[in-house]
Amino acid sequence: MLVFAQCELAFENGRAAGFWVELEFDSFFSGEIIWAYDEDRSGSFDAGETGNLYENAFSNLKEYGYFIFIREGDKRYTPQKVESFSARCEGPESLFYRYFVPLDGEEKDDFYIAVYDYSYFCAVRYQDDYILLTGEEPGTLEISLEENKDYPVYYNPKGKATDKTLYDRWAPGLSTFIPTEIHVRL
């Protein structure tokens, strides 16, 4: 499955409060989900359909860190929760998920955001306009898209489909994934 990602960094009082993630899915997955969850065939998801989609499809992304990895220095982690999930379709074959990743009041002035699926069930690509900004921006702000060769991700390509282990060090049998990260410096 191919997924296109875009992030929207949200500022409050000049600090990063969190970021929105929007995922656009390929026509195969989109068509399947739209067919299954747009029960009234209206071309949009009402509140009940969105709740059903959240519970029976989106909530599974928690098992994969919502495809989100945040890194500060050499510490990489996935969000424990996301907020404000919504879904929309543009035609019968374009599905979009949108959700907010709060940074929980922590002052972050140099951090990285990466959107990927380390299980390789999904290939994630950034949109050309991979980052948008909203709110009161800080006085200084630098954003770049960088391939991260210094902090690769290691995974077991022969592991069971249920194996979601992330390894911090390479070991025999593991493969290496080099993530592309959005680097935010305030």
N, C-alpha and C. Protein backbone atom coordinates (compact mmCIF):
# COMPACT_ATOMS: atom_id res chain seq x y z
N MET A 1 0.84 -1.16 0.00
CA MET A 1 0.00 0.00 0.00
C MET A 1 0.89 1.23 0.00
N LEU A 2 0.51 2.22 -0.76
CA LEU A 2 1.24 3.49 -0.84
C LEU A 2 0.46 4.56 -0.08
N VAL A 3 1.17 5.29 0.78
CA VAL A 3 0.58 6.34 1.60
C VAL A 3 1.39 7.61 1.40
N PHE A 4 0.69 8.74 1.20
CA PHE A 4 1.34 10.04 1.11
C PHE A 4 1.07 10.80 2.41
N ALA A 5 2.12 11.40 2.97
CA ALA A 5 2.02 12.05 4.28
C ALA A 5 2.32 13.53 4.20
N GLN A 6 1.63 14.27 5.06
CA GLN A 6 1.88 15.69 5.23
C GLN A 6 1.68 16.01 6.71
N CYS A 7 2.52 16.85 7.28
CA CYS A 7 2.40 17.27 8.68
C CYS A 7 2.12 18.76 8.73
N GLU A 8 1.43 19.16 9.78
CA GLU A 8 1.12 20.57 10.00
C GLU A 8 1.49 20.89 11.44
N LEU A 9 2.58 21.62 11.62
CA LEU A 9 3.09 21.95 12.94
C LEU A 9 2.23 23.06 13.54
N ALA A 10 1.70 22.82 14.74
CA ALA A 10 0.80 23.77 15.40
C ALA A 10 1.54 24.46 16.54
N PHE A 11 1.56 25.78 16.50
CA PHE A 11 2.23 26.58 17.52
C PHE A 11 1.21 27.25 18.42
N GLU A 12 1.56 27.35 19.71
CA GLU A 12 0.79 28.13 20.68
C GLU A 12 1.79 28.94 21.48
N ASN A 13 1.60 30.25 21.52
CA ASN A 13 2.51 31.13 22.26
C ASN A 13 3.97 30.92 21.86
N GLY A 14 4.21 30.71 20.59
CA GLY A 14 5.57 30.60 20.08
C GLY A 14 6.26 29.27 20.35
N ARG A 15 5.53 28.27 20.85
CA ARG A 15 6.15 26.96 21.07
C ARG A 15 5.33 25.90 20.32
N ALA A 16 5.98 24.81 20.00
CA ALA A 16 5.31 23.72 19.28
C ALA A 16 4.40 22.98 20.24
N ALA A 17 3.09 23.03 19.98
CA ALA A 17 2.11 22.35 20.82
C ALA A 17 1.85 20.92 20.36
N GLY A 18 2.13 20.67 19.10
CA GLY A 18 1.90 19.35 18.51
C GLY A 18 1.87 19.49 17.01
N PHE A 19 1.42 18.45 16.35
CA PHE A 19 1.33 18.52 14.90
C PHE A 19 0.22 17.62 14.39
N TRP A 20 -0.37 18.08 13.30
CA TRP A 20 -1.39 17.31 12.60
C TRP A 20 -0.69 16.42 11.59
N VAL A 21 -1.22 15.25 11.39
CA VAL A 21 -0.74 14.34 10.36
C VAL A 21 -1.90 14.08 9.43
N GLU A 22 -1.64 14.19 8.13
CA GLU A 22 -2.65 13.81 7.15
C GLU A 22 -2.04 12.74 6.26
N LEU A 23 -2.74 11.62 6.17
CA LEU A 23 -2.31 10.51 5.33
C LEU A 23 -3.30 10.35 4.20
N GLU A 24 -2.78 10.27 2.98
CA GLU A 24 -3.61 9.99 1.80
C GLU A 24 -3.24 8.59 1.31
N PHE A 25 -4.24 7.73 1.21
CA PHE A 25 -4.00 6.34 0.85
C PHE A 25 -4.19 6.08 -0.63
N ASP A 26 -3.54 5.04 -1.11
CA ASP A 26 -3.66 4.67 -2.53
C ASP A 26 -5.10 4.24 -2.84
N SER A 27 -5.39 4.13 -4.12
CA SER A 27 -6.77 3.87 -4.56
C SER A 27 -7.28 2.51 -4.11
N PHE A 28 -6.41 1.52 -3.98
CA PHE A 28 -6.88 0.19 -3.58
C PHE A 28 -7.38 0.20 -2.13
N PHE A 29 -6.55 0.68 -1.21
CA PHE A 29 -6.96 0.74 0.19
C PHE A 29 -8.11 1.72 0.36
N SER A 30 -8.02 2.87 -0.30
CA SER A 30 -9.08 3.88 -0.20
C SER A 30 -10.42 3.30 -0.61
N GLY A 31 -10.46 2.65 -1.77
CA GLY A 31 -11.71 2.08 -2.25
C GLY A 31 -12.29 1.06 -1.30
N GLU A 32 -11.43 0.25 -0.73
CA GLU A 32 -11.88 -0.78 0.21
C GLU A 32 -12.49 -0.16 1.47
N ILE A 33 -11.81 0.83 2.03
CA ILE A 33 -12.29 1.47 3.26
C ILE A 33 -13.55 2.29 2.99
N ILE A 34 -13.56 3.04 1.91
CA ILE A 34 -14.74 3.84 1.59
C ILE A 34 -15.95 2.92 1.38
N TRP A 35 -15.75 1.83 0.66
CA TRP A 35 -16.85 0.89 0.42
C TRP A 35 -17.36 0.30 1.74
N ALA A 36 -16.44 -0.01 2.65
CA ALA A 36 -16.82 -0.66 3.91
C ALA A 36 -17.44 0.29 4.92
N TYR A 37 -17.01 1.56 4.94
CA TYR A 37 -17.42 2.45 6.03
C TYR A 37 -18.33 3.61 5.62
N ASP A 38 -18.42 3.94 4.34
CA ASP A 38 -19.40 4.94 3.90
C ASP A 38 -20.70 4.20 3.63
N GLU A 39 -21.35 3.82 4.70
CA GLU A 39 -22.50 2.92 4.61
C GLU A 39 -23.66 3.50 3.81
N ASP A 40 -23.88 4.81 3.87
CA ASP A 40 -25.00 5.40 3.14
C ASP A 40 -24.60 5.84 1.72
N ARG A 41 -23.35 5.56 1.34
CA ARG A 41 -22.83 5.87 0.00
C ARG A 41 -23.00 7.34 -0.37
N SER A 42 -22.79 8.22 0.65
CA SER A 42 -22.96 9.66 0.44
C SER A 42 -21.69 10.32 -0.10
N GLY A 43 -20.56 9.61 -0.07
CA GLY A 43 -19.31 10.21 -0.50
C GLY A 43 -18.60 10.94 0.61
N SER A 44 -19.11 10.82 1.84
CA SER A 44 -18.46 11.40 3.01
C SER A 44 -18.79 10.54 4.22
N PHE A 45 -18.04 10.74 5.29
CA PHE A 45 -18.26 9.98 6.51
C PHE A 45 -18.99 10.85 7.53
N ASP A 46 -20.19 10.42 7.94
CA ASP A 46 -20.88 11.15 9.00
C ASP A 46 -20.27 10.73 10.34
N ALA A 47 -20.77 11.30 11.44
CA ALA A 47 -20.18 11.03 12.76
C ALA A 47 -20.20 9.54 13.10
N GLY A 48 -21.30 8.86 12.82
CA GLY A 48 -21.38 7.42 13.12
C GLY A 48 -20.42 6.60 12.28
N GLU A 49 -20.33 6.92 11.00
CA GLU A 49 -19.41 6.21 10.12
C GLU A 49 -17.95 6.47 10.52
N THR A 50 -17.66 7.72 10.91
CA THR A 50 -16.30 8.05 11.36
C THR A 50 -15.95 7.28 12.62
N GLY A 51 -16.89 7.20 13.56
CA GLY A 51 -16.66 6.44 14.79
C GLY A 51 -16.41 4.97 14.50
N ASN A 52 -17.19 4.41 13.60
CA ASN A 52 -17.02 3.01 13.20
C ASN A 52 -15.66 2.80 12.53
N LEU A 53 -15.29 3.72 11.64
CA LEU A 53 -13.99 3.65 10.96
C LEU A 53 -12.85 3.77 11.97
N TYR A 54 -12.99 4.68 12.94
CA TYR A 54 -11.98 4.84 13.97
C TYR A 54 -11.79 3.54 14.76
N GLU A 55 -12.88 2.99 15.24
CA GLU A 55 -12.83 1.79 16.09
C GLU A 55 -12.34 0.55 15.34
N ASN A 56 -12.71 0.41 14.09
CA ASN A 56 -12.46 -0.85 13.38
C ASN A 56 -11.33 -0.82 12.36
N ALA A 57 -10.79 0.36 12.08
CA ALA A 57 -9.69 0.44 11.11
C ALA A 57 -8.55 1.31 11.65
N PHE A 58 -8.83 2.57 11.92
CA PHE A 58 -7.76 3.49 12.35
C PHE A 58 -7.10 3.06 13.65
N SER A 59 -7.88 2.60 14.62
CA SER A 59 -7.31 2.27 15.94
C SER A 59 -6.19 1.24 15.83
N ASN A 60 -6.16 0.45 14.79
CA ASN A 60 -5.09 -0.53 14.58
C ASN A 60 -3.73 0.16 14.38
N LEU A 61 -3.73 1.41 13.92
CA LEU A 61 -2.46 2.12 13.72
C LEU A 61 -1.71 2.35 15.03
N LYS A 62 -2.41 2.27 16.16
CA LYS A 62 -1.71 2.39 17.45
C LYS A 62 -0.64 1.30 17.56
N GLU A 63 -0.91 0.13 17.00
CA GLU A 63 0.05 -0.99 17.03
C GLU A 63 1.33 -0.64 16.26
N TYR A 64 1.27 0.35 15.40
CA TYR A 64 2.40 0.76 14.58
C TYR A 64 2.83 2.19 14.90
N GLY A 65 2.53 2.65 16.12
CA GLY A 65 2.92 3.99 16.54
C GLY A 65 2.24 5.08 15.74
N TYR A 66 1.08 4.77 15.16
CA TYR A 66 0.34 5.70 14.30
C TYR A 66 1.18 6.14 13.10
N PHE A 67 2.22 5.37 12.76
CA PHE A 67 3.17 5.69 11.69
C PHE A 67 4.02 6.92 12.03
N ILE A 68 4.05 7.33 13.31
CA ILE A 68 4.75 8.54 13.73
C ILE A 68 5.90 8.18 14.65
N PHE A 69 7.05 8.78 14.38
CA PHE A 69 8.23 8.62 15.23
C PHE A 69 8.80 10.00 15.49
N ILE A 70 8.99 10.29 16.77
CA ILE A 70 9.56 11.57 17.18
C ILE A 70 10.94 11.27 17.75
N ARG A 71 11.91 12.08 17.38
CA ARG A 71 13.26 11.86 17.88
C ARG A 71 13.80 13.16 18.45
N GLU A 72 14.41 13.04 19.63
CA GLU A 72 15.16 14.14 20.25
C GLU A 72 16.52 13.56 20.57
N GLY A 73 17.56 14.09 19.92
CA GLY A 73 18.89 13.52 20.09
C GLY A 73 18.88 12.07 19.64
N ASP A 74 19.29 11.15 20.50
CA ASP A 74 19.29 9.74 20.11
C ASP A 74 18.08 8.98 20.67
N LYS A 75 17.12 9.71 21.27
CA LYS A 75 15.93 9.08 21.82
C LYS A 75 14.78 9.16 20.79
N ARG A 76 14.28 8.00 20.37
CA ARG A 76 13.18 7.93 19.41
C ARG A 76 11.99 7.28 20.11
N TYR A 77 10.80 7.85 19.90
CA TYR A 77 9.61 7.28 20.51
C TYR A 77 8.40 7.52 19.62
N THR A 78 7.34 6.78 19.90
CA THR A 78 6.08 6.94 19.19
C THR A 78 5.08 7.57 20.14
N PRO A 79 4.09 8.27 19.63
CA PRO A 79 3.11 8.89 20.52
C PRO A 79 2.26 7.82 21.21
N GLN A 80 1.90 8.09 22.45
CA GLN A 80 1.05 7.17 23.21
C GLN A 80 -0.42 7.37 22.84
N LYS A 81 -0.73 8.54 22.31
CA LYS A 81 -2.11 8.83 21.93
C LYS A 81 -2.12 9.84 20.80
N VAL A 82 -3.21 9.87 20.10
CA VAL A 82 -3.48 10.92 19.13
C VAL A 82 -4.88 11.44 19.42
N GLU A 83 -5.19 12.59 18.86
CA GLU A 83 -6.48 13.23 19.13
C GLU A 83 -7.12 13.67 17.82
N SER A 84 -8.41 13.97 17.90
CA SER A 84 -9.16 14.64 16.84
C SER A 84 -9.08 13.91 15.50
N PHE A 85 -9.27 12.60 15.51
CA PHE A 85 -9.25 11.84 14.26
C PHE A 85 -10.43 12.24 13.38
N SER A 86 -10.14 12.39 12.09
CA SER A 86 -11.21 12.57 11.10
C SER A 86 -10.80 11.83 9.83
N ALA A 87 -11.78 11.55 9.03
CA ALA A 87 -11.54 10.88 7.75
C ALA A 87 -12.40 11.56 6.70
N ARG A 88 -11.87 11.61 5.50
CA ARG A 88 -12.66 12.17 4.40
C ARG A 88 -12.31 11.42 3.13
N CYS A 89 -13.20 11.48 2.20
CA CYS A 89 -12.91 10.90 0.89
C CYS A 89 -13.12 11.97 -0.17
N GLU A 90 -12.31 11.86 -1.18
CA GLU A 90 -12.44 12.72 -2.36
C GLU A 90 -12.66 11.77 -3.52
N GLY A 91 -13.93 11.54 -3.82
CA GLY A 91 -14.26 10.55 -4.83
C GLY A 91 -14.23 9.15 -4.23
N PRO A 92 -14.49 8.16 -5.05
CA PRO A 92 -14.59 6.79 -4.53
C PRO A 92 -13.24 6.11 -4.27
N GLU A 93 -12.13 6.77 -4.63
CA GLU A 93 -10.83 6.10 -4.50
C GLU A 93 -9.76 6.95 -3.82
N SER A 94 -10.14 7.99 -3.07
CA SER A 94 -9.16 8.81 -2.35
C SER A 94 -9.61 8.99 -0.91
N LEU A 95 -8.92 8.30 -0.01
CA LEU A 95 -9.22 8.35 1.41
C LEU A 95 -8.12 9.10 2.13
N PHE A 96 -8.51 9.97 3.07
CA PHE A 96 -7.58 10.74 3.89
C PHE A 96 -7.90 10.52 5.36
N TYR A 97 -6.87 10.28 6.17
CA TYR A 97 -6.97 10.30 7.62
C TYR A 97 -6.27 11.56 8.09
N ARG A 98 -6.82 12.19 9.12
CA ARG A 98 -6.18 13.36 9.73
C ARG A 98 -6.29 13.21 11.24
N TYR A 99 -5.18 13.44 11.96
CA TYR A 99 -5.19 13.32 13.41
C TYR A 99 -4.09 14.19 14.00
N PHE A 100 -4.27 14.54 15.28
CA PHE A 100 -3.36 15.44 15.96
C PHE A 100 -2.48 14.67 16.93
N VAL A 101 -1.18 14.97 16.91
CA VAL A 101 -0.21 14.38 17.84
C VAL A 101 0.21 15.48 18.82
N PRO A 102 -0.29 15.45 20.07
CA PRO A 102 0.09 16.48 21.03
C PRO A 102 1.51 16.25 21.53
N LEU A 103 2.21 17.34 21.79
CA LEU A 103 3.55 17.23 22.36
C LEU A 103 3.50 17.41 23.88
N ASP A 104 2.30 17.40 24.44
CA ASP A 104 2.04 17.35 25.89
C ASP A 104 2.80 18.36 26.71
N GLY A 105 2.84 19.60 26.25
CA GLY A 105 3.38 20.69 27.04
C GLY A 105 4.88 20.71 27.23
N GLU A 106 5.58 19.75 26.67
CA GLU A 106 7.03 19.73 26.80
C GLU A 106 7.64 20.77 25.86
N GLU A 107 8.62 21.52 26.36
CA GLU A 107 9.34 22.46 25.50
C GLU A 107 10.24 21.68 24.56
N LYS A 108 10.00 21.77 23.32
CA LYS A 108 10.84 21.11 22.34
C LYS A 108 11.40 22.19 21.42
N ASP A 109 12.71 22.28 21.35
CA ASP A 109 13.29 23.30 20.49
C ASP A 109 14.17 22.72 19.39
N ASP A 110 14.39 21.42 19.42
CA ASP A 110 15.17 20.76 18.38
C ASP A 110 14.73 19.29 18.35
N PHE A 111 13.86 18.96 17.41
CA PHE A 111 13.33 17.61 17.36
C PHE A 111 13.04 17.21 15.91
N TYR A 112 12.76 15.94 15.75
CA TYR A 112 12.54 15.36 14.42
C TYR A 112 11.20 14.62 14.42
N ILE A 113 10.51 14.71 13.31
CA ILE A 113 9.27 13.97 13.09
C ILE A 113 9.50 13.08 11.87
N ALA A 114 9.16 11.82 12.00
CA ALA A 114 9.25 10.91 10.86
C ALA A 114 7.93 10.18 10.72
N VAL A 115 7.49 10.03 9.48
CA VAL A 115 6.27 9.29 9.19
C VAL A 115 6.69 8.09 8.35
N TYR A 116 6.54 6.90 8.92
CA TYR A 116 6.87 5.69 8.16
C TYR A 116 6.26 4.46 8.82
N ASP A 117 6.25 3.38 8.10
CA ASP A 117 5.76 2.10 8.58
C ASP A 117 6.93 1.13 8.53
N TYR A 118 7.52 0.83 9.68
CA TYR A 118 8.69 -0.04 9.73
C TYR A 118 8.35 -1.49 9.42
N SER A 119 7.07 -1.85 9.39
CA SER A 119 6.69 -3.23 9.07
C SER A 119 6.76 -3.49 7.56
N TYR A 120 6.83 -2.44 6.80
CA TYR A 120 6.85 -2.51 5.33
C TYR A 120 5.54 -3.00 4.73
N PHE A 121 4.45 -2.94 5.49
CA PHE A 121 3.14 -3.20 4.89
C PHE A 121 2.74 -1.99 4.04
N CYS A 122 3.25 -0.81 4.42
CA CYS A 122 2.92 0.44 3.72
C CYS A 122 4.19 1.18 3.34
N ALA A 123 4.22 1.69 2.14
CA ALA A 123 5.31 2.57 1.71
C ALA A 123 4.80 4.00 1.91
N VAL A 124 5.50 4.78 2.72
CA VAL A 124 5.07 6.14 3.02
C VAL A 124 5.99 7.11 2.30
N ARG A 125 5.39 8.07 1.60
CA ARG A 125 6.12 9.12 0.90
C ARG A 125 5.58 10.46 1.38
N TYR A 126 6.46 11.44 1.51
CA TYR A 126 6.02 12.78 1.90
C TYR A 126 5.46 13.51 0.69
N GLN A 127 4.42 14.31 0.92
CA GLN A 127 3.91 15.20 -0.12
C GLN A 127 4.99 16.24 -0.41
N ASP A 128 4.92 16.89 -1.57
CA ASP A 128 5.88 17.95 -1.89
C ASP A 128 5.85 19.04 -0.81
N ASP A 129 4.66 19.42 -0.36
CA ASP A 129 4.54 20.39 0.74
C ASP A 129 4.36 19.58 2.03
N TYR A 130 5.44 18.94 2.46
CA TYR A 130 5.43 17.97 3.55
C TYR A 130 5.14 18.59 4.92
N ILE A 131 5.35 19.90 5.06
CA ILE A 131 5.10 20.54 6.36
C ILE A 131 4.37 21.86 6.15
N LEU A 132 3.32 22.06 6.93
CA LEU A 132 2.58 23.31 6.97
C LEU A 132 2.71 23.85 8.38
N LEU A 133 2.44 25.14 8.56
CA LEU A 133 2.56 25.77 9.86
C LEU A 133 1.28 26.50 10.20
N THR A 134 0.84 26.39 11.49
CA THR A 134 -0.33 27.13 11.95
C THR A 134 -0.05 27.70 13.33
N GLY A 135 -0.72 28.78 13.66
CA GLY A 135 -0.59 29.38 14.97
C GLY A 135 0.51 30.41 15.01
N GLU A 136 0.82 30.86 16.23
CA GLU A 136 1.81 31.90 16.46
C GLU A 136 3.21 31.28 16.45
N GLU A 137 3.90 31.50 15.36
CA GLU A 137 5.23 30.90 15.18
C GLU A 137 6.27 31.60 16.06
N PRO A 138 7.32 30.87 16.44
CA PRO A 138 8.39 31.49 17.23
C PRO A 138 9.20 32.45 16.37
N GLY A 139 10.04 33.25 17.03
CA GLY A 139 10.88 34.22 16.31
C GLY A 139 11.83 33.56 15.33
N THR A 140 12.41 32.45 15.73
CA THR A 140 13.31 31.74 14.82
C THR A 140 12.76 30.33 14.61
N LEU A 141 12.83 29.90 13.37
CA LEU A 141 12.31 28.58 13.03
C LEU A 141 13.04 28.09 11.79
N GLU A 142 13.59 26.89 11.90
CA GLU A 142 14.23 26.25 10.75
C GLU A 142 13.61 24.87 10.59
N ILE A 143 13.23 24.54 9.38
CA ILE A 143 12.65 23.23 9.09
C ILE A 143 13.33 22.67 7.86
N SER A 144 13.70 21.41 7.95
CA SER A 144 14.30 20.75 6.79
C SER A 144 13.86 19.29 6.76
N LEU A 145 13.99 18.69 5.61
CA LEU A 145 13.70 17.27 5.41
C LEU A 145 15.04 16.58 5.22
N GLU A 146 15.37 15.64 6.11
CA GLU A 146 16.70 15.05 6.11
C GLU A 146 16.62 13.52 6.18
N GLU A 147 17.43 12.86 5.39
CA GLU A 147 17.58 11.42 5.53
C GLU A 147 18.48 11.17 6.74
N ASN A 148 18.06 10.30 7.63
CA ASN A 148 18.76 10.11 8.89
C ASN A 148 19.62 8.85 8.87
N LYS A 149 20.87 9.00 8.47
CA LYS A 149 21.78 7.85 8.43
C LYS A 149 22.44 7.60 9.79
N ASP A 150 22.40 8.59 10.68
CA ASP A 150 23.03 8.44 11.99
C ASP A 150 22.18 7.66 12.99
N TYR A 151 20.87 7.66 12.80
CA TYR A 151 19.96 6.95 13.70
C TYR A 151 19.02 6.06 12.89
N PRO A 152 19.55 5.00 12.31
CA PRO A 152 18.70 4.11 11.51
C PRO A 152 17.76 3.29 12.39
N VAL A 153 16.82 2.66 11.74
CA VAL A 153 15.86 1.77 12.40
C VAL A 153 16.21 0.35 11.98
N TYR A 154 16.24 -0.55 12.95
CA TYR A 154 16.53 -1.96 12.66
C TYR A 154 15.28 -2.78 12.90
N TYR A 155 15.04 -3.76 12.04
CA TYR A 155 13.84 -4.59 12.15
C TYR A 155 14.17 -5.99 11.66
N ASN A 156 13.30 -6.92 12.00
CA ASN A 156 13.49 -8.31 11.63
C ASN A 156 12.60 -8.64 10.43
N PRO A 157 13.15 -8.72 9.23
CA PRO A 157 12.32 -8.99 8.05
C PRO A 157 11.74 -10.40 8.02
N LYS A 158 12.27 -11.29 8.83
CA LYS A 158 11.76 -12.66 8.88
C LYS A 158 10.88 -12.89 10.10
N GLY A 159 10.60 -11.83 10.84
CA GLY A 159 9.75 -11.95 12.02
C GLY A 159 8.31 -12.18 11.62
N LYS A 160 7.52 -12.62 12.55
CA LYS A 160 6.09 -12.84 12.32
C LYS A 160 5.41 -11.51 12.03
N ALA A 161 4.29 -11.56 11.37
CA ALA A 161 3.54 -10.34 11.06
C ALA A 161 3.14 -9.60 12.34
N THR A 162 3.04 -10.31 13.44
CA THR A 162 2.67 -9.69 14.71
C THR A 162 3.87 -9.11 15.45
N ASP A 163 5.08 -9.32 14.95
CA ASP A 163 6.30 -8.82 15.61
C ASP A 163 6.48 -7.35 15.26
N LYS A 164 6.28 -6.49 16.25
CA LYS A 164 6.39 -5.05 16.03
C LYS A 164 7.60 -4.47 16.78
N THR A 165 8.58 -5.32 17.04
CA THR A 165 9.76 -4.91 17.79
C THR A 165 10.61 -3.95 16.97
N LEU A 166 11.01 -2.85 17.61
CA LEU A 166 12.00 -1.94 17.04
C LEU A 166 13.30 -2.15 17.80
N TYR A 167 14.37 -2.24 17.08
CA TYR A 167 15.66 -2.48 17.70
C TYR A 167 16.51 -1.22 17.59
N ASP A 168 17.27 -0.89 18.68
CA ASP A 168 18.14 0.29 18.60
C ASP A 168 19.50 -0.03 18.04
N ARG A 169 19.85 -1.30 17.99
CA ARG A 169 21.17 -1.71 17.48
C ARG A 169 20.99 -2.82 16.45
N TRP A 170 21.91 -2.83 15.52
CA TRP A 170 21.90 -3.90 14.54
C TRP A 170 22.38 -5.19 15.21
N ALA A 171 21.82 -6.31 14.76
CA ALA A 171 22.24 -7.64 15.20
C ALA A 171 22.08 -8.56 13.99
N PRO A 172 22.76 -9.69 13.97
CA PRO A 172 22.62 -10.62 12.84
C PRO A 172 21.15 -10.96 12.59
N GLY A 173 20.76 -10.92 11.31
CA GLY A 173 19.39 -11.22 10.91
C GLY A 173 18.51 -10.00 10.77
N LEU A 174 18.94 -8.86 11.30
CA LEU A 174 18.13 -7.64 11.21
C LEU A 174 18.47 -6.88 9.94
N SER A 175 17.49 -6.17 9.43
CA SER A 175 17.70 -5.28 8.29
C SER A 175 17.66 -3.83 8.79
N THR A 176 18.15 -2.94 7.96
CA THR A 176 18.27 -1.53 8.33
C THR A 176 17.36 -0.68 7.46
N PHE A 177 16.67 0.24 8.10
CA PHE A 177 15.83 1.21 7.41
C PHE A 177 16.35 2.60 7.76
N ILE A 178 16.56 3.44 6.76
CA ILE A 178 17.03 4.81 6.96
C ILE A 178 15.81 5.74 6.83
N PRO A 179 15.31 6.29 7.95
CA PRO A 179 14.13 7.15 7.85
C PRO A 179 14.46 8.54 7.31
N THR A 180 13.50 9.15 6.67
CA THR A 180 13.57 10.55 6.30
C THR A 180 12.76 11.31 7.32
N GLU A 181 13.39 12.33 7.94
CA GLU A 181 12.78 13.03 9.05
C GLU A 181 12.59 14.52 8.75
N ILE A 182 11.56 15.07 9.34
CA ILE A 182 11.36 16.52 9.32
C ILE A 182 12.07 17.06 10.55
N HIS A 183 13.09 17.88 10.33
CA HIS A 183 13.88 18.43 11.43
C HIS A 183 13.33 19.82 11.76
N VAL A 184 12.93 20.01 13.00
CA VAL A 184 12.37 21.28 13.46
C VAL A 184 13.31 21.86 14.50
N ARG A 185 13.78 23.08 14.25
CA ARG A 185 14.64 23.81 15.18
C ARG A 185 14.02 25.16 15.48
N LEU A 186 13.77 25.43 16.76
CA LEU A 186 13.18 26.71 17.18
C LEU A 186 14.27 27.57 17.81
